[in-house]
Amino acid sequence: MRDKMDKIAVIDVGSNSTRLLIAGVNPEGEVKPLHTGLITTRLGEGINRGLLLPGAMERTVGAIADFKDLAGEWGVSGLVVSATSAVRDAANRRDFLESVKEKTGFELRVLSGPEEAFFSYYGVKKGLAGGPGRMAVVDIGGGSTEFTWPENGSLACGSARVGAVRMTEGGHRDEEILSLLMPLLGGVKKARPDNVVAVGGTATTLAAMDMKMIEYDPVRVHGYRLEKSRTELLLDTLIGAGAEGRKKIPGLQPARADIIVAGVRIILIIMEQLESSFITVSEADLLYGLASCYVKSVEIKNVIHYQ
């Protein structure tokens, strides 16, 4: 990476957690992570009712304020604050946006589903070395799952309202999850990707669990090959451990223990449908994509948007 870098902060307000990336970004848009942070704020609590709950909003605004202070300590030259599924689906999202503005001064950018998919894909392209071929990117979040895949010389981006928090609270069966995913997953299947890359907390947690990590190591997680057979065994372990037992499993954050089973079921359904014996896990994701595009303006062209 060239010496000349802008120091950029990205805050992502997700359905399960609020995350921070502080990174150096060069003129080519290459991203060098300097600091990361994560606070489980569970903004998507009660997500299937279509409203953001007061306590969840308060927790999340507090996390954004904390990250704002931290970004200031790092002396960043630019800052991006975005929100995804929980906010874009909420009938009272204006109340939340106004609260964020009042208490932090930030104008929160609410990403559409296809925008979220594109920036996740772009982050993978910038942060994960890979060989030639047709790559599909899957971003499994708390409230939604995004897919990006090649289609007729263009890039197809779409989002399904399937996420670890949403499926846990809704008690969805595998058949229901598959039905919700198929409008997009069918397009990915037709593309026959050579490589399926997964981003998001479910994927990185599975990699950490598979390596039995006591302390999370993003370097080891990034690029990890997660086998389908191992994922099936991990699901059996999670189910067998029960709600309290899961909190003691190495590699699994206790705050994610209640939603991880739904997240793993989503991943396995995707792997089964794509006939993938493994997926590649990437630490580079939406935050990397947003940081890169902040410095190197990217024209989103030849992109097919699926809602």
C-alpha atoms as a PDB file:
ATOM      1  CA  MET A   1       0.000   0.000   0.000  1.00  0.00           C
ATOM      2  CA  ARG A   2       1.310   3.439  -0.902  1.00  0.00           C
ATOM      3  CA  ASP A   3       2.395   5.746   1.921  1.00  0.00           C
ATOM      4  CA  LYS A   4      -0.246   8.423   1.223  1.00  0.00           C
ATOM      5  CA  MET A   5      -3.381   7.398   3.090  1.00  0.00           C
ATOM      6  CA  ASP A   6      -6.521   9.051   4.352  1.00  0.00           C
ATOM      7  CA  LYS A   7      -7.636   7.953   7.797  1.00  0.00           C
ATOM      8  CA  ILE A   8     -11.324   7.074   7.566  1.00  0.00           C
ATOM      9  CA  ALA A   9     -13.845   5.886  10.164  1.00  0.00           C
ATOM     10  CA  VAL A  10     -16.943   3.874   9.268  1.00  0.00           C
ATOM     11  CA  ILE A  11     -19.751   3.195  11.732  1.00  0.00           C
ATOM     12  CA  ASP A  12     -22.251   0.544  10.680  1.00  0.00           C
ATOM     13  CA  VAL A  13     -25.572   0.347  12.514  1.00  0.00           C
ATOM     14  CA  GLY A  14     -26.759  -3.221  12.077  1.00  0.00           C
ATOM     15  CA  SER A  15     -29.686  -5.210  13.413  1.00  0.00           C
ATOM     16  CA  ASN A  16     -27.556  -7.089  15.948  1.00  0.00           C
ATOM     17  CA  SER A  17     -24.522  -4.891  16.522  1.00  0.00           C
ATOM     18  CA  THR A  18     -23.047  -1.454  15.917  1.00  0.00           C
ATOM     19  CA  ARG A  19     -19.552  -1.703  14.470  1.00  0.00           C
ATOM     20  CA  LEU A  20     -16.596   0.607  13.919  1.00  0.00           C
ATOM     21  CA  LEU A  21     -13.736   0.441  11.439  1.00  0.00           C
ATOM     22  CA  ILE A  22     -10.911   2.943  11.461  1.00  0.00           C
ATOM     23  CA  ALA A  23      -8.692   2.407   8.451  1.00  0.00           C
ATOM     24  CA  GLY A  24      -6.060   3.959   6.263  1.00  0.00           C
ATOM     25  CA  VAL A  25      -7.253   4.163   2.668  1.00  0.00           C
ATOM     26  CA  ASN A  26      -4.944   5.050  -0.226  1.00  0.00           C
ATOM     27  CA  PRO A  27      -5.985   6.797  -3.474  1.00  0.00           C
ATOM     28  CA  GLU A  28      -6.574   3.412  -5.133  1.00  0.00           C
ATOM     29  CA  GLY A  29      -9.110   2.560  -2.435  1.00  0.00           C
ATOM     30  CA  GLU A  30      -6.986  -0.088  -0.743  1.00  0.00           C
ATOM     31  CA  VAL A  31      -7.929  -0.469   2.912  1.00  0.00           C
ATOM     32  CA  LYS A  32      -5.578  -1.020   5.845  1.00  0.00           C
ATOM     33  CA  PRO A  33      -7.501  -1.631   9.096  1.00  0.00           C
ATOM     34  CA  LEU A  34      -6.114   0.267  12.081  1.00  0.00           C
ATOM     35  CA  HIS A  35      -8.778  -0.320  14.727  1.00  0.00           C
ATOM     36  CA  THR A  36     -12.122  -2.094  15.000  1.00  0.00           C
ATOM     37  CA  GLY A  37     -14.895  -2.014  17.554  1.00  0.00           C
ATOM     38  CA  LEU A  38     -18.180  -3.844  18.105  1.00  0.00           C
ATOM     39  CA  ILE A  39     -21.012  -3.277  20.558  1.00  0.00           C
ATOM     40  CA  THR A  40     -23.976  -5.644  20.607  1.00  0.00           C
ATOM     41  CA  THR A  41     -26.829  -3.158  20.616  1.00  0.00           C
ATOM     42  CA  ARG A  42     -29.585  -5.427  19.167  1.00  0.00           C
ATOM     43  CA  LEU A  43     -31.355  -2.566  17.393  1.00  0.00           C
ATOM     44  CA  GLY A  44     -33.412  -5.227  15.592  1.00  0.00           C
ATOM     45  CA  GLU A  45     -35.039  -6.413  18.821  1.00  0.00           C
ATOM     46  CA  GLY A  46     -38.675  -7.065  17.937  1.00  0.00           C
ATOM     47  CA  ILE A  47     -37.759  -6.667  14.258  1.00  0.00           C
ATOM     48  CA  ASN A  48     -40.762  -8.580  12.934  1.00  0.00           C
ATOM     49  CA  ARG A  49     -43.110  -5.971  14.388  1.00  0.00           C
ATOM     50  CA  GLY A  50     -41.627  -3.340  12.088  1.00  0.00           C
ATOM     51  CA  LEU A  51     -40.808  -0.856  14.853  1.00  0.00           C
ATOM     52  CA  LEU A  52     -37.572   0.123  16.573  1.00  0.00           C
ATOM     53  CA  LEU A  53     -38.006  -0.210  20.339  1.00  0.00           C
ATOM     54  CA  PRO A  54     -37.102   2.746  22.613  1.00  0.00           C
ATOM     55  CA  GLY A  55     -34.506   0.809  24.621  1.00  0.00           C
ATOM     56  CA  ALA A  56     -32.842  -0.536  21.487  1.00  0.00           C
ATOM     57  CA  MET A  57     -32.682   2.947  19.972  1.00  0.00           C
ATOM     58  CA  GLU A  58     -31.162   4.366  23.157  1.00  0.00           C
ATOM     59  CA  ARG A  59     -28.496   1.639  23.286  1.00  0.00           C
ATOM     60  CA  THR A  60     -27.593   2.179  19.670  1.00  0.00           C
ATOM     61  CA  VAL A  61     -27.402   5.967  19.813  1.00  0.00           C
ATOM     62  CA  GLY A  62     -25.109   5.584  22.831  1.00  0.00           C
ATOM     63  CA  ALA A  63     -22.841   3.237  20.892  1.00  0.00           C
ATOM     64  CA  ILE A  64     -22.694   5.647  17.936  1.00  0.00           C
ATOM     65  CA  ALA A  65     -21.741   8.479  20.312  1.00  0.00           C
ATOM     66  CA  ASP A  66     -18.991   6.349  21.871  1.00  0.00           C
ATOM     67  CA  PHE A  67     -17.592   5.490  18.451  1.00  0.00           C
ATOM     68  CA  LYS A  68     -17.746   9.150  17.424  1.00  0.00           C
ATOM     69  CA  ASP A  69     -15.524  10.018  20.398  1.00  0.00           C
ATOM     70  CA  LEU A  70     -13.121   7.200  19.521  1.00  0.00           C
ATOM     71  CA  ALA A  71     -12.916   8.319  15.908  1.00  0.00           C
ATOM     72  CA  GLY A  72     -12.047  11.793  17.153  1.00  0.00           C
ATOM     73  CA  GLU A  73      -9.217  10.389  19.253  1.00  0.00           C
ATOM     74  CA  TRP A  74      -7.818   8.724  16.130  1.00  0.00           C
ATOM     75  CA  GLY A  75      -7.925  12.001  14.235  1.00  0.00           C
ATOM     76  CA  VAL A  76      -9.807  10.694  11.223  1.00  0.00           C
ATOM     77  CA  SER A  77     -10.184  12.906   8.166  1.00  0.00           C
ATOM     78  CA  GLY A  78     -13.503  11.416   7.080  1.00  0.00           C
ATOM     79  CA  LEU A  79     -16.373   9.536   8.678  1.00  0.00           C
ATOM     80  CA  VAL A  80     -19.225   7.457   7.241  1.00  0.00           C
ATOM     81  CA  VAL A  81     -22.234   6.402   9.337  1.00  0.00           C
ATOM     82  CA  SER A  82     -24.618   3.923   7.731  1.00  0.00           C
ATOM     83  CA  ALA A  83     -27.572   1.785   8.770  1.00  0.00           C
ATOM     84  CA  THR A  84     -29.013  -1.375   7.276  1.00  0.00           C
ATOM     85  CA  SER A  85     -31.973  -3.729   7.669  1.00  0.00           C
ATOM     86  CA  ALA A  86     -33.450  -2.812  11.064  1.00  0.00           C
ATOM     87  CA  VAL A  87     -33.566   0.898  10.265  1.00  0.00           C
ATOM     88  CA  ARG A  88     -34.649   0.692   6.625  1.00  0.00           C
ATOM     89  CA  ASP A  89     -37.559  -1.619   7.520  1.00  0.00           C
ATOM     90  CA  ALA A  90     -38.802   0.343  10.545  1.00  0.00           C
ATOM     91  CA  ALA A  91     -41.980   2.423  10.344  1.00  0.00           C
ATOM     92  CA  ASN A  92     -40.526   4.772  12.985  1.00  0.00           C
ATOM     93  CA  ARG A  93     -37.079   5.092  11.456  1.00  0.00           C
ATOM     94  CA  ARG A  94     -37.446   8.897  11.243  1.00  0.00           C
ATOM     95  CA  ASP A  95     -37.571   9.030  15.069  1.00  0.00           C
ATOM     96  CA  PHE A  96     -34.303   7.122  15.222  1.00  0.00           C
ATOM     97  CA  LEU A  97     -32.601   9.242  12.546  1.00  0.00           C
ATOM     98  CA  GLU A  98     -33.631  12.421  14.369  1.00  0.00           C
ATOM     99  CA  SER A  99     -32.311  11.047  17.682  1.00  0.00           C
ATOM    100  CA  VAL A 100     -28.961  10.185  16.078  1.00  0.00           C
ATOM    101  CA  LYS A 101     -28.770  13.684  14.555  1.00  0.00           C
ATOM    102  CA  GLU A 102     -29.680  15.410  17.812  1.00  0.00           C
ATOM    103  CA  LYS A 103     -27.274  13.468  20.046  1.00  0.00           C
ATOM    104  CA  THR A 104     -24.307  12.906  17.709  1.00  0.00           C
ATOM    105  CA  GLY A 105     -24.684  15.417  14.884  1.00  0.00           C
ATOM    106  CA  PHE A 106     -24.566  12.609  12.304  1.00  0.00           C
ATOM    107  CA  GLU A 107     -26.767  12.360   9.243  1.00  0.00           C
ATOM    108  CA  LEU A 108     -27.238   8.603   9.170  1.00  0.00           C
ATOM    109  CA  ARG A 109     -27.194   7.088   5.683  1.00  0.00           C
ATOM    110  CA  VAL A 110     -29.750   4.296   5.365  1.00  0.00           C
ATOM    111  CA  LEU A 111     -28.577   1.816   2.747  1.00  0.00           C
ATOM    112  CA  SER A 112     -31.030   0.019   0.505  1.00  0.00           C
ATOM    113  CA  GLY A 113     -30.708  -3.761   0.338  1.00  0.00           C
ATOM    114  CA  PRO A 114     -28.930  -3.733  -3.065  1.00  0.00           C
ATOM    115  CA  GLU A 115     -26.600  -0.940  -1.888  1.00  0.00           C
ATOM    116  CA  GLU A 116     -25.672  -3.000   1.165  1.00  0.00           C
ATOM    117  CA  ALA A 117     -24.996  -5.981  -1.089  1.00  0.00           C
ATOM    118  CA  PHE A 118     -22.817  -3.921  -3.437  1.00  0.00           C
ATOM    119  CA  PHE A 119     -20.674  -2.359  -0.717  1.00  0.00           C
ATOM    120  CA  SER A 120     -20.182  -5.763   0.942  1.00  0.00           C
ATOM    121  CA  TYR A 121     -19.053  -7.183  -2.410  1.00  0.00           C
ATOM    122  CA  TYR A 122     -16.774  -4.209  -3.013  1.00  0.00           C
ATOM    123  CA  GLY A 123     -15.232  -4.647   0.430  1.00  0.00           C
ATOM    124  CA  VAL A 124     -14.480  -8.298  -0.331  1.00  0.00           C
ATOM    125  CA  LYS A 125     -12.923  -7.346  -3.666  1.00  0.00           C
ATOM    126  CA  LYS A 126     -10.675  -4.828  -1.917  1.00  0.00           C
ATOM    127  CA  GLY A 127      -9.751  -6.960   1.060  1.00  0.00           C
ATOM    128  CA  LEU A 128      -9.663 -10.621   0.029  1.00  0.00           C
ATOM    129  CA  ALA A 129      -7.078 -11.940  -2.373  1.00  0.00           C
ATOM    130  CA  GLY A 130      -8.632 -14.435  -4.754  1.00  0.00           C
ATOM    131  CA  GLY A 131      -7.970 -16.119  -8.043  1.00  0.00           C
ATOM    132  CA  PRO A 132      -9.879 -15.684 -11.279  1.00  0.00           C
ATOM    133  CA  GLY A 133     -13.402 -16.952 -11.549  1.00  0.00           C
ATOM    134  CA  ARG A 134     -16.998 -16.117 -10.821  1.00  0.00           C
ATOM    135  CA  MET A 135     -17.409 -14.992  -7.220  1.00  0.00           C
ATOM    136  CA  ALA A 136     -20.622 -14.717  -5.256  1.00  0.00           C
ATOM    137  CA  VAL A 137     -20.700 -12.828  -1.954  1.00  0.00           C
ATOM    138  CA  VAL A 138     -23.201 -13.590   0.808  1.00  0.00           C
ATOM    139  CA  ASP A 139     -23.659 -11.195   3.728  1.00  0.00           C
ATOM    140  CA  ILE A 140     -25.661 -12.806   6.540  1.00  0.00           C
ATOM    141  CA  GLY A 141     -26.720 -10.173   9.036  1.00  0.00           C
ATOM    142  CA  GLY A 142     -29.173  -9.864  11.871  1.00  0.00           C
ATOM    143  CA  GLY A 143     -32.101  -8.644   9.815  1.00  0.00           C
ATOM    144  CA  SER A 144     -31.268  -9.524   6.219  1.00  0.00           C
ATOM    145  CA  THR A 145     -29.071 -11.544   3.906  1.00  0.00           C
ATOM    146  CA  GLU A 146     -27.489  -9.915   0.867  1.00  0.00           C
ATOM    147  CA  PHE A 147     -26.327 -11.691  -2.283  1.00  0.00           C
ATOM    148  CA  THR A 148     -24.052 -10.375  -5.029  1.00  0.00           C
ATOM    149  CA  TRP A 149     -23.289 -12.464  -8.108  1.00  0.00           C
ATOM    150  CA  PRO A 150     -22.320 -12.132 -11.801  1.00  0.00           C
ATOM    151  CA  GLU A 151     -25.229 -12.074 -14.244  1.00  0.00           C
ATOM    152  CA  ASN A 152     -24.988 -11.559 -18.013  1.00  0.00           C
ATOM    153  CA  GLY A 153     -21.849  -9.455 -17.802  1.00  0.00           C
ATOM    154  CA  SER A 154     -23.248  -7.325 -14.986  1.00  0.00           C
ATOM    155  CA  LEU A 155     -23.238  -7.522 -11.213  1.00  0.00           C
ATOM    156  CA  ALA A 156     -26.496  -8.540  -9.566  1.00  0.00           C
ATOM    157  CA  CYS A 157     -27.192  -7.274  -6.031  1.00  0.00           C
ATOM    158  CA  GLY A 158     -30.139  -8.163  -3.865  1.00  0.00           C
ATOM    159  CA  SER A 159     -31.376  -8.470  -0.305  1.00  0.00           C
ATOM    160  CA  ALA A 160     -33.736 -10.901   1.412  1.00  0.00           C
ATOM    161  CA  ARG A 161     -35.424 -10.248   4.750  1.00  0.00           C
ATOM    162  CA  VAL A 162     -33.710 -13.261   6.288  1.00  0.00           C
ATOM    163  CA  GLY A 163     -31.323 -12.712   9.187  1.00  0.00           C
ATOM    164  CA  ALA A 164     -30.183 -14.341  12.406  1.00  0.00           C
ATOM    165  CA  VAL A 165     -32.206 -12.010  14.662  1.00  0.00           C
ATOM    166  CA  ARG A 166     -35.273 -11.976  12.397  1.00  0.00           C
ATOM    167  CA  MET A 167     -35.367 -15.789  11.998  1.00  0.00           C
ATOM    168  CA  THR A 168     -34.752 -16.397  15.705  1.00  0.00           C
ATOM    169  CA  GLU A 169     -37.556 -14.106  16.819  1.00  0.00           C
ATOM    170  CA  GLY A 170     -39.897 -15.404  14.119  1.00  0.00           C
ATOM    171  CA  GLY A 171     -39.213 -19.075  14.862  1.00  0.00           C
ATOM    172  CA  HIS A 172     -38.845 -19.779  11.137  1.00  0.00           C
ATOM    173  CA  ARG A 173     -38.365 -23.363   9.989  1.00  0.00           C
ATOM    174  CA  ASP A 174     -35.783 -24.307   7.363  1.00  0.00           C
ATOM    175  CA  GLU A 175     -38.480 -24.616   4.697  1.00  0.00           C
ATOM    176  CA  GLU A 176     -39.650 -21.059   5.394  1.00  0.00           C
ATOM    177  CA  ILE A 177     -36.095 -19.704   5.311  1.00  0.00           C
ATOM    178  CA  LEU A 178     -35.456 -21.405   1.978  1.00  0.00           C
ATOM    179  CA  SER A 179     -38.678 -19.990   0.534  1.00  0.00           C
ATOM    180  CA  LEU A 180     -37.650 -16.459   1.545  1.00  0.00           C
ATOM    181  CA  LEU A 181     -34.156 -16.865   0.081  1.00  0.00           C
ATOM    182  CA  MET A 182     -35.058 -18.523  -3.230  1.00  0.00           C
ATOM    183  CA  PRO A 183     -36.059 -15.407  -5.231  1.00  0.00           C
ATOM    184  CA  LEU A 184     -32.391 -14.349  -5.002  1.00  0.00           C
ATOM    185  CA  LEU A 185     -30.700 -17.667  -4.370  1.00  0.00           C
ATOM    186  CA  GLY A 186     -32.118 -18.985  -7.635  1.00  0.00           C
ATOM    187  CA  GLY A 187     -30.164 -16.306  -9.515  1.00  0.00           C
ATOM    188  CA  VAL A 188     -26.971 -17.183  -7.687  1.00  0.00           C
ATOM    189  CA  LYS A 189     -27.469 -20.867  -8.533  1.00  0.00           C
ATOM    190  CA  LYS A 190     -27.819 -20.051 -12.235  1.00  0.00           C
ATOM    191  CA  ALA A 191     -24.534 -18.105 -12.114  1.00  0.00           C
ATOM    192  CA  ARG A 192     -22.700 -21.223 -10.898  1.00  0.00           C
ATOM    193  CA  PRO A 193     -20.035 -19.288  -8.962  1.00  0.00           C
ATOM    194  CA  ASP A 194     -16.567 -20.789  -8.571  1.00  0.00           C
ATOM    195  CA  ASN A 195     -16.134 -19.231  -5.155  1.00  0.00           C
ATOM    196  CA  VAL A 196     -18.723 -18.347  -2.505  1.00  0.00           C
ATOM    197  CA  VAL A 197     -17.500 -15.789   0.037  1.00  0.00           C
ATOM    198  CA  ALA A 198     -19.417 -15.159   3.254  1.00  0.00           C
ATOM    199  CA  VAL A 199     -19.204 -12.026   5.400  1.00  0.00           C
ATOM    200  CA  GLY A 200     -20.966 -10.973   8.575  1.00  0.00           C
ATOM    201  CA  GLY A 201     -20.982 -12.065  12.195  1.00  0.00           C
ATOM    202  CA  THR A 202     -22.415 -15.534  11.640  1.00  0.00           C
ATOM    203  CA  ALA A 203     -19.685 -16.473   9.153  1.00  0.00           C
ATOM    204  CA  THR A 204     -16.789 -15.039  11.155  1.00  0.00           C
ATOM    205  CA  THR A 205     -18.128 -16.607  14.356  1.00  0.00           C
ATOM    206  CA  LEU A 206     -18.326 -20.028  12.696  1.00  0.00           C
ATOM    207  CA  ALA A 207     -14.714 -19.707  11.566  1.00  0.00           C
ATOM    208  CA  ALA A 208     -13.645 -18.761  15.109  1.00  0.00           C
ATOM    209  CA  MET A 209     -15.625 -21.668  16.556  1.00  0.00           C
ATOM    210  CA  ASP A 210     -14.146 -24.107  14.067  1.00  0.00           C
ATOM    211  CA  MET A 211     -10.658 -22.984  15.139  1.00  0.00           C
ATOM    212  CA  LYS A 212     -11.716 -23.067  18.836  1.00  0.00           C
ATOM    213  CA  MET A 213     -10.458 -19.523  19.355  1.00  0.00           C
ATOM    214  CA  ILE A 214     -10.264 -18.351  22.947  1.00  0.00           C
ATOM    215  CA  GLU A 215      -9.344 -14.851  21.747  1.00  0.00           C
ATOM    216  CA  TYR A 216     -10.684 -13.676  18.403  1.00  0.00           C
ATOM    217  CA  ASP A 217      -7.993 -13.286  15.743  1.00  0.00           C
ATOM    218  CA  PRO A 218      -9.226 -11.530  12.578  1.00  0.00           C
ATOM    219  CA  VAL A 219      -6.058 -12.405  10.686  1.00  0.00           C
ATOM    220  CA  ARG A 220      -6.717 -16.136  11.055  1.00  0.00           C
ATOM    221  CA  VAL A 221     -10.426 -15.749  10.339  1.00  0.00           C
ATOM    222  CA  HIS A 222      -9.873 -13.757   7.142  1.00  0.00           C
ATOM    223  CA  GLY A 223      -9.785 -16.128   4.185  1.00  0.00           C
ATOM    224  CA  TYR A 224     -10.684 -19.157   6.305  1.00  0.00           C
ATOM    225  CA  ARG A 225     -12.112 -22.124   4.417  1.00  0.00           C
ATOM    226  CA  LEU A 226     -15.227 -23.243   6.281  1.00  0.00           C
ATOM    227  CA  GLU A 227     -16.234 -26.760   5.283  1.00  0.00           C
ATOM    228  CA  LYS A 228     -19.904 -27.700   5.026  1.00  0.00           C
ATOM    229  CA  SER A 229     -19.329 -30.937   6.950  1.00  0.00           C
ATOM    230  CA  ARG A 230     -17.703 -29.007   9.802  1.00  0.00           C
ATOM    231  CA  THR A 231     -20.534 -26.472   9.799  1.00  0.00           C
ATOM    232  CA  GLU A 232     -23.068 -29.288  10.168  1.00  0.00           C
ATOM    233  CA  LEU A 233     -21.129 -30.621  13.164  1.00  0.00           C
ATOM    234  CA  LEU A 234     -20.959 -27.148  14.696  1.00  0.00           C
ATOM    235  CA  LEU A 235     -24.728 -26.798  14.356  1.00  0.00           C
ATOM    236  CA  ASP A 236     -25.225 -30.106  16.163  1.00  0.00           C
ATOM    237  CA  THR A 237     -22.884 -28.893  18.912  1.00  0.00           C
ATOM    238  CA  LEU A 238     -24.745 -25.599  19.270  1.00  0.00           C
ATOM    239  CA  ILE A 239     -28.147 -27.257  19.471  1.00  0.00           C
ATOM    240  CA  GLY A 240     -26.915 -29.876  21.923  1.00  0.00           C
ATOM    241  CA  ALA A 241     -25.284 -27.291  24.199  1.00  0.00           C
ATOM    242  CA  GLY A 242     -28.523 -25.405  24.861  1.00  0.00           C
ATOM    243  CA  ALA A 243     -28.905 -21.682  25.449  1.00  0.00           C
ATOM    244  CA  GLU A 244     -26.594 -21.448  28.454  1.00  0.00           C
ATOM    245  CA  GLY A 245     -24.069 -24.018  27.267  1.00  0.00           C
ATOM    246  CA  ARG A 246     -23.537 -22.118  24.015  1.00  0.00           C
ATOM    247  CA  LYS A 247     -22.164 -19.158  25.958  1.00  0.00           C
ATOM    248  CA  LYS A 248     -19.169 -21.282  26.962  1.00  0.00           C
ATOM    249  CA  ILE A 249     -18.214 -22.508  23.478  1.00  0.00           C
ATOM    250  CA  PRO A 250     -14.805 -21.158  22.369  1.00  0.00           C
ATOM    251  CA  GLY A 251     -15.088 -18.717  19.482  1.00  0.00           C
ATOM    252  CA  LEU A 252     -18.718 -17.786  20.215  1.00  0.00           C
ATOM    253  CA  GLN A 253     -19.443 -14.430  21.812  1.00  0.00           C
ATOM    254  CA  PRO A 254     -21.982 -14.933  24.624  1.00  0.00           C
ATOM    255  CA  ALA A 255     -24.055 -12.015  23.249  1.00  0.00           C
ATOM    256  CA  ARG A 256     -24.529 -13.939  19.996  1.00  0.00           C
ATOM    257  CA  ALA A 257     -25.450 -17.254  21.640  1.00  0.00           C
ATOM    258  CA  ASP A 258     -29.212 -16.763  21.296  1.00  0.00           C
ATOM    259  CA  ILE A 259     -29.160 -16.081  17.531  1.00  0.00           C
ATOM    260  CA  ILE A 260     -26.252 -18.187  16.252  1.00  0.00           C
ATOM    261  CA  VAL A 261     -28.328 -21.313  15.565  1.00  0.00           C
ATOM    262  CA  ALA A 262     -30.572 -19.437  13.125  1.00  0.00           C
ATOM    263  CA  GLY A 263     -27.519 -17.900  11.470  1.00  0.00           C
ATOM    264  CA  VAL A 264     -25.867 -21.289  10.964  1.00  0.00           C
ATOM    265  CA  ARG A 265     -29.086 -22.731   9.525  1.00  0.00           C
ATOM    266  CA  ILE A 266     -29.135 -19.893   6.977  1.00  0.00           C
ATOM    267  CA  ILE A 267     -25.537 -20.604   5.949  1.00  0.00           C
ATOM    268  CA  LEU A 268     -26.167 -24.334   5.603  1.00  0.00           C
ATOM    269  CA  ILE A 269     -29.269 -23.774   3.473  1.00  0.00           C
ATOM    270  CA  ILE A 270     -27.242 -21.527   1.162  1.00  0.00           C
ATOM    271  CA  MET A 271     -24.371 -24.033   0.933  1.00  0.00           C
ATOM    272  CA  GLU A 272     -26.801 -26.856   0.228  1.00  0.00           C
ATOM    273  CA  GLN A 273     -28.594 -24.963  -2.543  1.00  0.00           C
ATOM    274  CA  LEU A 274     -25.346 -23.819  -4.175  1.00  0.00           C
ATOM    275  CA  GLU A 275     -23.874 -27.310  -3.834  1.00  0.00           C
ATOM    276  CA  SER A 276     -20.857 -25.770  -2.079  1.00  0.00           C
ATOM    277  CA  SER A 277     -18.683 -28.084  -0.014  1.00  0.00           C
ATOM    278  CA  PHE A 278     -17.119 -25.000   1.603  1.00  0.00           C
ATOM    279  CA  ILE A 279     -17.318 -21.225   1.771  1.00  0.00           C
ATOM    280  CA  THR A 280     -14.541 -18.679   2.182  1.00  0.00           C
ATOM    281  CA  VAL A 281     -14.930 -16.337   5.159  1.00  0.00           C
ATOM    282  CA  SER A 282     -13.903 -12.700   4.760  1.00  0.00           C
ATOM    283  CA  GLU A 283     -13.264 -10.071   7.420  1.00  0.00           C
ATOM    284  CA  ALA A 284     -13.339  -7.465   4.656  1.00  0.00           C
ATOM    285  CA  ASP A 285     -16.979  -6.564   4.224  1.00  0.00           C
ATOM    286  CA  LEU A 286     -19.440  -3.673   4.110  1.00  0.00           C
ATOM    287  CA  LEU A 287     -17.250  -1.431   6.261  1.00  0.00           C
ATOM    288  CA  TYR A 288     -14.263  -1.940   3.961  1.00  0.00           C
ATOM    289  CA  GLY A 289     -16.421  -1.188   0.936  1.00  0.00           C
ATOM    290  CA  LEU A 290     -17.761   2.042   2.437  1.00  0.00           C
ATOM    291  CA  ALA A 291     -14.284   3.169   3.547  1.00  0.00           C
ATOM    292  CA  SER A 292     -12.817   2.462   0.119  1.00  0.00           C
ATOM    293  CA  CYS A 293     -15.620   4.220  -1.761  1.00  0.00           C
ATOM    294  CA  TYR A 294     -15.333   7.264   0.506  1.00  0.00           C
ATOM    295  CA  VAL A 295     -11.811   7.880  -0.774  1.00  0.00           C
ATOM    296  CA  LYS A 296     -12.033   6.459  -4.284  1.00  0.00           C
ATOM    297  CA  SER A 297     -15.352   7.474  -5.767  1.00  0.00           C
ATOM    298  CA  VAL A 298     -16.908   4.448  -7.440  1.00  0.00           C
ATOM    299  CA  GLU A 299     -19.580   4.717 -10.079  1.00  0.00           C
ATOM    300  CA  ILE A 300     -22.088   1.955  -9.467  1.00  0.00           C
ATOM    301  CA  LYS A 301     -22.732   0.958 -13.067  1.00  0.00           C
ATOM    302  CA  ASN A 302     -23.640  -2.291 -14.791  1.00  0.00           C
ATOM    303  CA  VAL A 303     -25.334  -3.320 -11.552  1.00  0.00           C
ATOM    304  CA  ILE A 304     -28.694  -5.066 -11.485  1.00  0.00           C
ATOM    305  CA  HIS A 305     -30.720  -4.272  -8.348  1.00  0.00           C
ATOM    306  CA  TYR A 306     -33.048  -6.887  -6.897  1.00  0.00           C
ATOM    307  CA  GLN A 307     -35.216  -5.952  -3.902  1.00  0.00           C
END
